[in-house]
Amino acid sequence: MKTYRFLTATLLAAALSLGLWGASAAQSCCVQAKAKGKDCPHPCCVEARKAEKTCDKCQKDASCCDKAIAKGKACAHPCCVEAAKEKKICEKCNAPAKK
């Protein structure tokens, strides 16, 4: 019985840590550059934008903003529109990396 409890607790802890780790992905280089009014200069991102795709290397979990940038558009979410007006990154859709 103790082994079962230990195994259950270990699996639960692993699942929670993986879930938190996945949610702490950093803002992409393209979103950061767009907030500064520029396009990302990384060669992989430039090629991806030409093909109207997201960069598999830099945008593993592409946000709504990443997808819009790939298509050469601005994100239409109200929270992203407000952030763009202030030349900021929408932290609701592009959560900063947790330290």
PDB file of N, CA and C in Angstrom:
ATOM      1  N   MET A   1       0.813  -1.192   0.000  1.00  0.00           N
ATOM      2  CA  MET A   1       0.000   0.000   0.000  1.00  0.00           C
ATOM      3  C   MET A   1       0.861   1.263   0.000  1.00  0.00           C
ATOM      4  N   LYS A   2       1.978   1.227   0.749  1.00  0.00           N
ATOM      5  CA  LYS A   2       2.855   2.399   0.783  1.00  0.00           C
ATOM      6  C   LYS A   2       3.476   2.645  -0.580  1.00  0.00           C
ATOM      7  N   THR A   3       3.813   1.578  -1.285  1.00  0.00           N
ATOM      8  CA  THR A   3       4.393   1.714  -2.612  1.00  0.00           C
ATOM      9  C   THR A   3       3.388   2.359  -3.563  1.00  0.00           C
ATOM     10  N   TYR A   4       2.138   1.956  -3.462  1.00  0.00           N
ATOM     11  CA  TYR A   4       1.088   2.521  -4.307  1.00  0.00           C
ATOM     12  C   TYR A   4       0.927   4.012  -4.047  1.00  0.00           C
ATOM     13  N   ARG A   5       0.911   4.418  -2.807  1.00  0.00           N
ATOM     14  CA  ARG A   5       0.789   5.839  -2.452  1.00  0.00           C
ATOM     15  C   ARG A   5       1.994   6.632  -2.935  1.00  0.00           C
ATOM     16  N   PHE A   6       3.169   6.060  -2.753  1.00  0.00           N
ATOM     17  CA  PHE A   6       4.392   6.736  -3.200  1.00  0.00           C
ATOM     18  C   PHE A   6       4.379   6.914  -4.716  1.00  0.00           C
ATOM     19  N   LEU A   7       3.997   5.857  -5.435  1.00  0.00           N
ATOM     20  CA  LEU A   7       3.955   5.918  -6.892  1.00  0.00           C
ATOM     21  C   LEU A   7       2.922   6.949  -7.347  1.00  0.00           C
ATOM     22  N   THR A   8       1.768   6.962  -6.719  1.00  0.00           N
ATOM     23  CA  THR A   8       0.723   7.927  -7.068  1.00  0.00           C
ATOM     24  C   THR A   8       1.196   9.358  -6.823  1.00  0.00           C
ATOM     25  N   ALA A   9       1.808   9.594  -5.678  1.00  0.00           N
ATOM     26  CA  ALA A   9       2.303  10.930  -5.354  1.00  0.00           C
ATOM     27  C   ALA A   9       3.397  11.360  -6.324  1.00  0.00           C
ATOM     28  N   THR A  10       4.268  10.443  -6.682  1.00  0.00           N
ATOM     29  CA  THR A  10       5.354  10.755  -7.619  1.00  0.00           C
ATOM     30  C   THR A  10       4.799  11.103  -8.995  1.00  0.00           C
ATOM     31  N   LEU A  11       3.843  10.311  -9.473  1.00  0.00           N
ATOM     32  CA  LEU A  11       3.250  10.583 -10.784  1.00  0.00           C
ATOM     33  C   LEU A  11       2.486  11.905 -10.784  1.00  0.00           C
ATOM     34  N   LEU A  12       1.784  12.187  -9.707  1.00  0.00           N
ATOM     35  CA  LEU A  12       1.059  13.456  -9.605  1.00  0.00           C
ATOM     36  C   LEU A  12       2.028  14.634  -9.608  1.00  0.00           C
ATOM     37  N   ALA A  13       3.109  14.521  -8.871  1.00  0.00           N
ATOM     38  CA  ALA A  13       4.115  15.593  -8.824  1.00  0.00           C
ATOM     39  C   ALA A  13       4.748  15.796 -10.196  1.00  0.00           C
ATOM     40  N   ALA A  14       5.020  14.698 -10.898  1.00  0.00           N
ATOM     41  CA  ALA A  14       5.604  14.799 -12.239  1.00  0.00           C
ATOM     42  C   ALA A  14       4.632  15.465 -13.207  1.00  0.00           C
ATOM     43  N   ALA A  15       3.370  15.089 -13.128  1.00  0.00           N
ATOM     44  CA  ALA A  15       2.369  15.687 -14.018  1.00  0.00           C
ATOM     45  C   ALA A  15       2.220  17.181 -13.758  1.00  0.00           C
ATOM     46  N   LEU A  16       2.203  17.566 -12.500  1.00  0.00           N
ATOM     47  CA  LEU A  16       2.091  18.988 -12.162  1.00  0.00           C
ATOM     48  C   LEU A  16       3.307  19.769 -12.627  1.00  0.00           C
ATOM     49  N   SER A  17       4.491  19.210 -12.423  1.00  0.00           N
ATOM     50  CA  SER A  17       5.689  19.935 -12.831  1.00  0.00           C
ATOM     51  C   SER A  17       5.773  20.052 -14.343  1.00  0.00           C
ATOM     52  N   LEU A  18       5.369  19.040 -15.071  1.00  0.00           N
ATOM     53  CA  LEU A  18       5.379  19.119 -16.531  1.00  0.00           C
ATOM     54  C   LEU A  18       4.349  20.123 -17.020  1.00  0.00           C
ATOM     55  N   GLY A  19       3.214  20.161 -16.379  1.00  0.00           N
ATOM     56  CA  GLY A  19       2.187  21.129 -16.760  1.00  0.00           C
ATOM     57  C   GLY A  19       2.647  22.552 -16.515  1.00  0.00           C
ATOM     58  N   LEU A  20       3.287  22.795 -15.400  1.00  0.00           N
ATOM     59  CA  LEU A  20       3.797  24.126 -15.097  1.00  0.00           C
ATOM     60  C   LEU A  20       4.941  24.489 -16.014  1.00  0.00           C
ATOM     61  N   TRP A  21       5.760  23.511 -16.359  1.00  0.00           N
ATOM     62  CA  TRP A  21       6.881  23.783 -17.254  1.00  0.00           C
ATOM     63  C   TRP A  21       6.373  24.156 -18.631  1.00  0.00           C
ATOM     64  N   GLY A  22       5.357  23.478 -19.124  1.00  0.00           N
ATOM     65  CA  GLY A  22       4.806  23.780 -20.440  1.00  0.00           C
ATOM     66  C   GLY A  22       4.175  25.165 -20.490  1.00  0.00           C
ATOM     67  N   ALA A  23       3.593  25.589 -19.392  1.00  0.00           N
ATOM     68  CA  ALA A  23       2.945  26.898 -19.355  1.00  0.00           C
ATOM     69  C   ALA A  23       3.946  28.033 -19.209  1.00  0.00           C
ATOM     70  N   SER A  24       5.182  27.711 -18.891  1.00  0.00           N
ATOM     71  CA  SER A  24       6.163  28.763 -18.670  1.00  0.00           C
ATOM     72  C   SER A  24       7.047  29.009 -19.891  1.00  0.00           C
ATOM     73  N   ALA A  25       6.568  28.638 -21.064  1.00  0.00           N
ATOM     74  CA  ALA A  25       7.333  28.872 -22.273  1.00  0.00           C
ATOM     75  C   ALA A  25       7.546  30.372 -22.450  1.00  0.00           C
ATOM     76  N   ALA A  26       8.685  30.746 -22.950  1.00  0.00           N
ATOM     77  CA  ALA A  26       9.027  32.153 -23.110  1.00  0.00           C
ATOM     78  C   ALA A  26       8.294  32.760 -24.307  1.00  0.00           C
ATOM     79  N   GLN A  27       8.210  34.078 -24.309  1.00  0.00           N
ATOM     80  CA  GLN A  27       7.635  34.784 -25.446  1.00  0.00           C
ATOM     81  C   GLN A  27       8.564  34.589 -26.639  1.00  0.00           C
ATOM     82  N   SER A  28       7.983  34.398 -27.801  1.00  0.00           N
ATOM     83  CA  SER A  28       8.808  34.129 -28.982  1.00  0.00           C
ATOM     84  C   SER A  28       9.571  35.375 -29.424  1.00  0.00           C
ATOM     85  N   CYS A  29      10.642  35.133 -30.142  1.00  0.00           N
ATOM     86  CA  CYS A  29      11.470  36.220 -30.652  1.00  0.00           C
ATOM     87  C   CYS A  29      10.683  37.093 -31.624  1.00  0.00           C
ATOM     88  N   CYS A  30       9.758  36.490 -32.372  1.00  0.00           N
ATOM     89  CA  CYS A  30       8.965  37.254 -33.339  1.00  0.00           C
ATOM     90  C   CYS A  30       7.994  38.204 -32.643  1.00  0.00           C
ATOM     91  N   VAL A  31       7.373  37.746 -31.561  1.00  0.00           N
ATOM     92  CA  VAL A  31       6.447  38.592 -30.809  1.00  0.00           C
ATOM     93  C   VAL A  31       7.212  39.737 -30.154  1.00  0.00           C
ATOM     94  N   GLN A  32       8.376  39.440 -29.616  1.00  0.00           N
ATOM     95  CA  GLN A  32       9.182  40.487 -28.984  1.00  0.00           C
ATOM     96  C   GLN A  32       9.621  41.530 -30.011  1.00  0.00           C
ATOM     97  N   ALA A  33      10.021  41.084 -31.192  1.00  0.00           N
ATOM     98  CA  ALA A  33      10.451  42.019 -32.236  1.00  0.00           C
ATOM     99  C   ALA A  33       9.270  42.860 -32.726  1.00  0.00           C
ATOM    100  N   LYS A  34       8.105  42.230 -32.892  1.00  0.00           N
ATOM    101  CA  LYS A  34       6.923  42.945 -33.378  1.00  0.00           C
ATOM    102  C   LYS A  34       6.502  44.037 -32.400  1.00  0.00           C
ATOM    103  N   ALA A  35       6.661  43.782 -31.098  1.00  0.00           N
ATOM    104  CA  ALA A  35       6.327  44.787 -30.088  1.00  0.00           C
ATOM    105  C   ALA A  35       7.235  46.008 -30.216  1.00  0.00           C
ATOM    106  N   LYS A  36       8.428  45.811 -30.743  1.00  0.00           N
ATOM    107  CA  LYS A  36       9.367  46.920 -30.959  1.00  0.00           C
ATOM    108  C   LYS A  36       9.185  47.548 -32.333  1.00  0.00           C
ATOM    109  N   GLY A  37       8.198  47.060 -33.101  1.00  0.00           N
ATOM    110  CA  GLY A  37       7.927  47.610 -34.428  1.00  0.00           C
ATOM    111  C   GLY A  37       8.841  47.065 -35.503  1.00  0.00           C
ATOM    112  N   LYS A  38       9.432  45.911 -35.273  1.00  0.00           N
ATOM    113  CA  LYS A  38      10.367  45.312 -36.228  1.00  0.00           C
ATOM    114  C   LYS A  38       9.929  43.893 -36.565  1.00  0.00           C
ATOM    115  N   ASP A  39      10.607  43.304 -37.530  1.00  0.00           N
ATOM    116  CA  ASP A  39      10.436  41.883 -37.825  1.00  0.00           C
ATOM    117  C   ASP A  39      11.620  41.139 -37.252  1.00  0.00           C
ATOM    118  N   CYS A  40      11.390  39.907 -36.833  1.00  0.00           N
ATOM    119  CA  CYS A  40      12.461  39.093 -36.262  1.00  0.00           C
ATOM    120  C   CYS A  40      13.533  38.843 -37.328  1.00  0.00           C
ATOM    121  N   PRO A  41      14.809  39.071 -36.996  1.00  0.00           N
ATOM    122  CA  PRO A  41      15.868  38.913 -37.988  1.00  0.00           C
ATOM    123  C   PRO A  41      16.435  37.488 -38.094  1.00  0.00           C
ATOM    124  N   HIS A  42      15.983  36.559 -37.249  1.00  0.00           N
ATOM    125  CA  HIS A  42      16.519  35.194 -37.316  1.00  0.00           C
ATOM    126  C   HIS A  42      16.250  34.595 -38.699  1.00  0.00           C
ATOM    127  N   PRO A  43      17.256  34.018 -39.331  1.00  0.00           N
ATOM    128  CA  PRO A  43      17.060  33.432 -40.665  1.00  0.00           C
ATOM    129  C   PRO A  43      15.937  32.385 -40.706  1.00  0.00           C
ATOM    130  N   CYS A  44      15.800  31.597 -39.634  1.00  0.00           N
ATOM    131  CA  CYS A  44      14.751  30.575 -39.615  1.00  0.00           C
ATOM    132  C   CYS A  44      13.366  31.222 -39.588  1.00  0.00           C
ATOM    133  N   CYS A  45      13.236  32.328 -38.889  1.00  0.00           N
ATOM    134  CA  CYS A  45      11.957  33.028 -38.811  1.00  0.00           C
ATOM    135  C   CYS A  45      11.644  33.766 -40.112  1.00  0.00           C
ATOM    136  N   VAL A  46      12.667  34.323 -40.741  1.00  0.00           N
ATOM    137  CA  VAL A  46      12.479  35.014 -42.024  1.00  0.00           C
ATOM    138  C   VAL A  46      11.952  34.027 -43.066  1.00  0.00           C
ATOM    139  N   GLU A  47      12.553  32.847 -43.140  1.00  0.00           N
ATOM    140  CA  GLU A  47      12.109  31.825 -44.096  1.00  0.00           C
ATOM    141  C   GLU A  47      10.683  31.372 -43.784  1.00  0.00           C
ATOM    142  N   ALA A  48      10.376  31.203 -42.514  1.00  0.00           N
ATOM    143  CA  ALA A  48       9.035  30.775 -42.125  1.00  0.00           C
ATOM    144  C   ALA A  48       8.000  31.838 -42.501  1.00  0.00           C
ATOM    145  N   ARG A  49       8.323  33.119 -42.282  1.00  0.00           N
ATOM    146  CA  ARG A  49       7.388  34.193 -42.650  1.00  0.00           C
ATOM    147  C   ARG A  49       7.163  34.239 -44.151  1.00  0.00           C
ATOM    148  N   LYS A  50       8.208  33.987 -44.932  1.00  0.00           N
ATOM    149  CA  LYS A  50       8.054  33.978 -46.397  1.00  0.00           C
ATOM    150  C   LYS A  50       7.070  32.894 -46.821  1.00  0.00           C
ATOM    151  N   ALA A  51       7.092  31.767 -46.115  1.00  0.00           N
ATOM    152  CA  ALA A  51       6.191  30.655 -46.421  1.00  0.00           C
ATOM    153  C   ALA A  51       4.854  30.785 -45.677  1.00  0.00           C
ATOM    154  N   GLU A  52       4.661  31.903 -44.957  1.00  0.00           N
ATOM    155  CA  GLU A  52       3.469  32.161 -44.151  1.00  0.00           C
ATOM    156  C   GLU A  52       3.208  31.043 -43.146  1.00  0.00           C
ATOM    157  N   LYS A  53       4.290  30.618 -42.485  1.00  0.00           N
ATOM    158  CA  LYS A  53       4.213  29.592 -41.447  1.00  0.00           C
ATOM    159  C   LYS A  53       4.919  30.101 -40.210  1.00  0.00           C
ATOM    160  N   THR A  54       4.719  29.407 -39.109  1.00  0.00           N
ATOM    161  CA  THR A  54       5.453  29.732 -37.890  1.00  0.00           C
ATOM    162  C   THR A  54       6.762  28.950 -37.896  1.00  0.00           C
ATOM    163  N   CYS A  55       7.747  29.484 -37.242  1.00  0.00           N
ATOM    164  CA  CYS A  55       9.065  28.847 -37.168  1.00  0.00           C
ATOM    165  C   CYS A  55       9.008  27.704 -36.160  1.00  0.00           C
ATOM    166  N   ASP A  56       9.300  26.493 -36.619  1.00  0.00           N
ATOM    167  CA  ASP A  56       9.261  25.326 -35.738  1.00  0.00           C
ATOM    168  C   ASP A  56      10.331  25.383 -34.662  1.00  0.00           C
ATOM    169  N   LYS A  57      11.411  26.074 -34.937  1.00  0.00           N
ATOM    170  CA  LYS A  57      12.512  26.147 -33.974  1.00  0.00           C
ATOM    171  C   LYS A  57      12.200  27.137 -32.846  1.00  0.00           C
ATOM    172  N   CYS A  58      11.704  28.302 -33.191  1.00  0.00           N
ATOM    173  CA  CYS A  58      11.507  29.372 -32.216  1.00  0.00           C
ATOM    174  C   CYS A  58      10.094  29.423 -31.636  1.00  0.00           C
ATOM    175  N   GLN A  59       9.139  28.822 -32.327  1.00  0.00           N
ATOM    176  CA  GLN A  59       7.740  28.924 -31.900  1.00  0.00           C
ATOM    177  C   GLN A  59       7.112  27.536 -31.771  1.00  0.00           C
ATOM    178  N   LYS A  60       7.651  26.747 -30.853  1.00  0.00           N
ATOM    179  CA  LYS A  60       7.137  25.383 -30.671  1.00  0.00           C
ATOM    180  C   LYS A  60       5.660  25.388 -30.291  1.00  0.00           C
ATOM    181  N   ASP A  61       5.269  26.263 -29.401  1.00  0.00           N
ATOM    182  CA  ASP A  61       3.867  26.443 -29.008  1.00  0.00           C
ATOM    183  C   ASP A  61       3.448  27.837 -29.456  1.00  0.00           C
ATOM    184  N   ALA A  62       3.137  27.957 -30.734  1.00  0.00           N
ATOM    185  CA  ALA A  62       2.840  29.266 -31.315  1.00  0.00           C
ATOM    186  C   ALA A  62       1.571  29.867 -30.721  1.00  0.00           C
ATOM    187  N   SER A  63       1.657  31.130 -30.344  1.00  0.00           N
ATOM    188  CA  SER A  63       0.503  31.859 -29.809  1.00  0.00           C
ATOM    189  C   SER A  63      -0.312  32.428 -30.964  1.00  0.00           C
ATOM    190  N   CYS A  64      -1.429  33.044 -30.619  1.00  0.00           N
ATOM    191  CA  CYS A  64      -2.264  33.688 -31.635  1.00  0.00           C
ATOM    192  C   CYS A  64      -1.479  34.786 -32.350  1.00  0.00           C
ATOM    193  N   CYS A  65      -0.618  35.471 -31.619  1.00  0.00           N
ATOM    194  CA  CYS A  65       0.195  36.545 -32.199  1.00  0.00           C
ATOM    195  C   CYS A  65       1.224  35.971 -33.169  1.00  0.00           C
ATOM    196  N   ASP A  66       1.852  34.857 -32.801  1.00  0.00           N
ATOM    197  CA  ASP A  66       2.820  34.214 -33.691  1.00  0.00           C
ATOM    198  C   ASP A  66       2.166  33.811 -35.006  1.00  0.00           C
ATOM    199  N   LYS A  67       0.964  33.262 -34.915  1.00  0.00           N
ATOM    200  CA  LYS A  67       0.249  32.815 -36.118  1.00  0.00           C
ATOM    201  C   LYS A  67      -0.128  34.001 -37.001  1.00  0.00           C
ATOM    202  N   ALA A  68      -0.523  35.111 -36.379  1.00  0.00           N
ATOM    203  CA  ALA A  68      -0.871  36.309 -37.150  1.00  0.00           C
ATOM    204  C   ALA A  68       0.368  36.901 -37.822  1.00  0.00           C
ATOM    205  N   ILE A  69       1.476  36.941 -37.095  1.00  0.00           N
ATOM    206  CA  ILE A  69       2.731  37.470 -37.652  1.00  0.00           C
ATOM    207  C   ILE A  69       3.154  36.640 -38.854  1.00  0.00           C
ATOM    208  N   ALA A  70       2.988  35.330 -38.756  1.00  0.00           N
ATOM    209  CA  ALA A  70       3.368  34.446 -39.856  1.00  0.00           C
ATOM    210  C   ALA A  70       2.581  34.756 -41.125  1.00  0.00           C
ATOM    211  N   LYS A  71       1.337  35.191 -40.965  1.00  0.00           N
ATOM    212  CA  LYS A  71       0.501  35.512 -42.117  1.00  0.00           C
ATOM    213  C   LYS A  71       0.621  36.970 -42.537  1.00  0.00           C
ATOM    214  N   GLY A  72       1.485  37.724 -41.852  1.00  0.00           N
ATOM    215  CA  GLY A  72       1.698  39.123 -42.194  1.00  0.00           C
ATOM    216  C   GLY A  72       0.581  40.030 -41.706  1.00  0.00           C
ATOM    217  N   LYS A  73      -0.117  39.608 -40.658  1.00  0.00           N
ATOM    218  CA  LYS A  73      -1.231  40.386 -40.129  1.00  0.00           C
ATOM    219  C   LYS A  73      -0.978  40.702 -38.663  1.00  0.00           C
ATOM    220  N   ALA A  74      -1.848  41.526 -38.117  1.00  0.00           N
ATOM    221  CA  ALA A  74      -1.817  41.811 -36.685  1.00  0.00           C
ATOM    222  C   ALA A  74      -2.862  40.926 -36.016  1.00  0.00           C
ATOM    223  N   CYS A  75      -2.586  40.498 -34.817  1.00  0.00           N
ATOM    224  CA  CYS A  75      -3.531  39.660 -34.072  1.00  0.00           C
ATOM    225  C   CYS A  75      -4.791  40.469 -33.790  1.00  0.00           C
ATOM    226  N   ALA A  76      -5.946  39.849 -33.977  1.00  0.00           N
ATOM    227  CA  ALA A  76      -7.223  40.546 -33.833  1.00  0.00           C
ATOM    228  C   ALA A  76      -7.839  40.432 -32.437  1.00  0.00           C
ATOM    229  N   HIS A  77      -7.215  39.682 -31.527  1.00  0.00           N
ATOM    230  CA  HIS A  77      -7.760  39.595 -30.168  1.00  0.00           C
ATOM    231  C   HIS A  77      -7.738  40.975 -29.529  1.00  0.00           C
ATOM    232  N   PRO A  78      -8.810  41.366 -28.854  1.00  0.00           N
ATOM    233  CA  PRO A  78      -8.862  42.697 -28.222  1.00  0.00           C
ATOM    234  C   PRO A  78      -7.700  42.957 -27.258  1.00  0.00           C
ATOM    235  N   CYS A  79      -7.312  41.926 -26.502  1.00  0.00           N
ATOM    236  CA  CYS A  79      -6.208  42.110 -25.557  1.00  0.00           C
ATOM    237  C   CYS A  79      -4.891  42.356 -26.294  1.00  0.00           C
ATOM    238  N   CYS A  80      -4.716  41.718 -27.415  1.00  0.00           N
ATOM    239  CA  CYS A  80      -3.489  41.895 -28.213  1.00  0.00           C
ATOM    240  C   CYS A  80      -3.487  43.246 -28.924  1.00  0.00           C
ATOM    241  N   VAL A  81      -4.658  43.684 -29.385  1.00  0.00           N
ATOM    242  CA  VAL A  81      -4.783  44.994 -30.047  1.00  0.00           C
ATOM    243  C   VAL A  81      -4.416  46.102 -29.061  1.00  0.00           C
ATOM    244  N   GLU A  82      -4.925  46.012 -27.828  1.00  0.00           N
ATOM    245  CA  GLU A  82      -4.611  47.017 -26.803  1.00  0.00           C
ATOM    246  C   GLU A  82      -3.121  47.034 -26.485  1.00  0.00           C
ATOM    247  N   ALA A  83      -2.528  45.860 -26.360  1.00  0.00           N
ATOM    248  CA  ALA A  83      -1.094  45.783 -26.063  1.00  0.00           C
ATOM    249  C   ALA A  83      -0.274  46.364 -27.212  1.00  0.00           C
ATOM    250  N   ALA A  84      -0.682  46.099 -28.448  1.00  0.00           N
ATOM    251  CA  ALA A  84       0.049  46.604 -29.613  1.00  0.00           C
ATOM    252  C   ALA A  84      -0.008  48.130 -29.687  1.00  0.00           C
ATOM    253  N   LYS A  85      -1.134  48.708 -29.295  1.00  0.00           N
ATOM    254  CA  LYS A  85      -1.255  50.174 -29.288  1.00  0.00           C
ATOM    255  C   LYS A  85      -0.228  50.805 -28.355  1.00  0.00           C
ATOM    256  N   GLU A  86       0.059  50.100 -27.266  1.00  0.00           N
ATOM    257  CA  GLU A  86       1.020  50.592 -26.284  1.00  0.00           C
ATOM    258  C   GLU A  86       2.437  50.080 -26.553  1.00  0.00           C
ATOM    259  N   LYS A  87       2.617  49.421 -27.703  1.00  0.00           N
ATOM    260  CA  LYS A  87       3.917  48.822 -28.088  1.00  0.00           C
ATOM    261  C   LYS A  87       4.409  47.858 -27.010  1.00  0.00           C
ATOM    262  N   LYS A  88       3.461  47.041 -26.526  1.00  0.00           N
ATOM    263  CA  LYS A  88       3.768  46.028 -25.531  1.00  0.00           C
ATOM    264  C   LYS A  88       3.352  44.668 -26.054  1.00  0.00           C
ATOM    265  N   ILE A  89       3.696  43.637 -25.296  1.00  0.00           N
ATOM    266  CA  ILE A  89       3.322  42.268 -25.628  1.00  0.00           C
ATOM    267  C   ILE A  89       2.127  41.888 -24.757  1.00  0.00           C
ATOM    268  N   CYS A  90       1.122  41.296 -25.353  1.00  0.00           N
ATOM    269  CA  CYS A  90      -0.022  40.825 -24.601  1.00  0.00           C
ATOM    270  C   CYS A  90       0.425  39.642 -23.752  1.00  0.00           C
ATOM    271  N   GLU A  91       0.444  39.838 -22.455  1.00  0.00           N
ATOM    272  CA  GLU A  91       0.921  38.779 -21.554  1.00  0.00           C
ATOM    273  C   GLU A  91      -0.154  37.742 -21.278  1.00  0.00           C
ATOM    274  N   LYS A  92      -1.377  38.017 -21.681  1.00  0.00           N
ATOM    275  CA  LYS A  92      -2.438  37.004 -21.540  1.00  0.00           C
ATOM    276  C   LYS A  92      -2.205  35.899 -22.571  1.00  0.00           C
ATOM    277  N   CYS A  93      -1.877  36.276 -23.786  1.00  0.00           N
ATOM    278  CA  CYS A  93      -1.676  35.299 -24.866  1.00  0.00           C
ATOM    279  C   CYS A  93      -0.220  34.869 -25.012  1.00  0.00           C
ATOM    280  N   ASN A  94       0.698  35.680 -24.536  1.00  0.00           N
ATOM    281  CA  ASN A  94       2.144  35.412 -24.642  1.00  0.00           C
ATOM    282  C   ASN A  94       2.760  35.549 -23.259  1.00  0.00           C
ATOM    283  N   ALA A  95       2.523  34.570 -22.440  1.00  0.00           N
ATOM    284  CA  ALA A  95       3.006  34.633 -21.058  1.00  0.00           C
ATOM    285  C   ALA A  95       4.531  34.657 -21.019  1.00  0.00           C
ATOM    286  N   PRO A  96       5.100  35.526 -20.210  1.00  0.00           N
ATOM    287  CA  PRO A  96       6.571  35.562 -20.098  1.00  0.00           C
ATOM    288  C   PRO A  96       7.060  34.308 -19.389  1.00  0.00           C
ATOM    289  N   ALA A  97       8.308  33.977 -19.634  1.00  0.00           N
ATOM    290  CA  ALA A  97       8.915  32.804 -18.996  1.00  0.00           C
ATOM    291  C   ALA A  97       8.988  33.023 -17.494  1.00  0.00           C
ATOM    292  N   LYS A  98       8.655  31.974 -16.729  1.00  0.00           N
ATOM    293  CA  LYS A  98       8.749  32.066 -15.282  1.00  0.00           C
ATOM    294  C   LYS A  98      10.172  31.757 -14.875  1.00  0.00           C
ATOM    295  N   LYS A  99      10.654  32.498 -13.883  1.00  0.00           N
ATOM    296  CA  LYS A  99      12.038  32.321 -13.455  1.00  0.00           C
ATOM    297  C   LYS A  99      12.134  31.284 -12.385  1.00  0.00           C
TER     298      LYS A  99
END
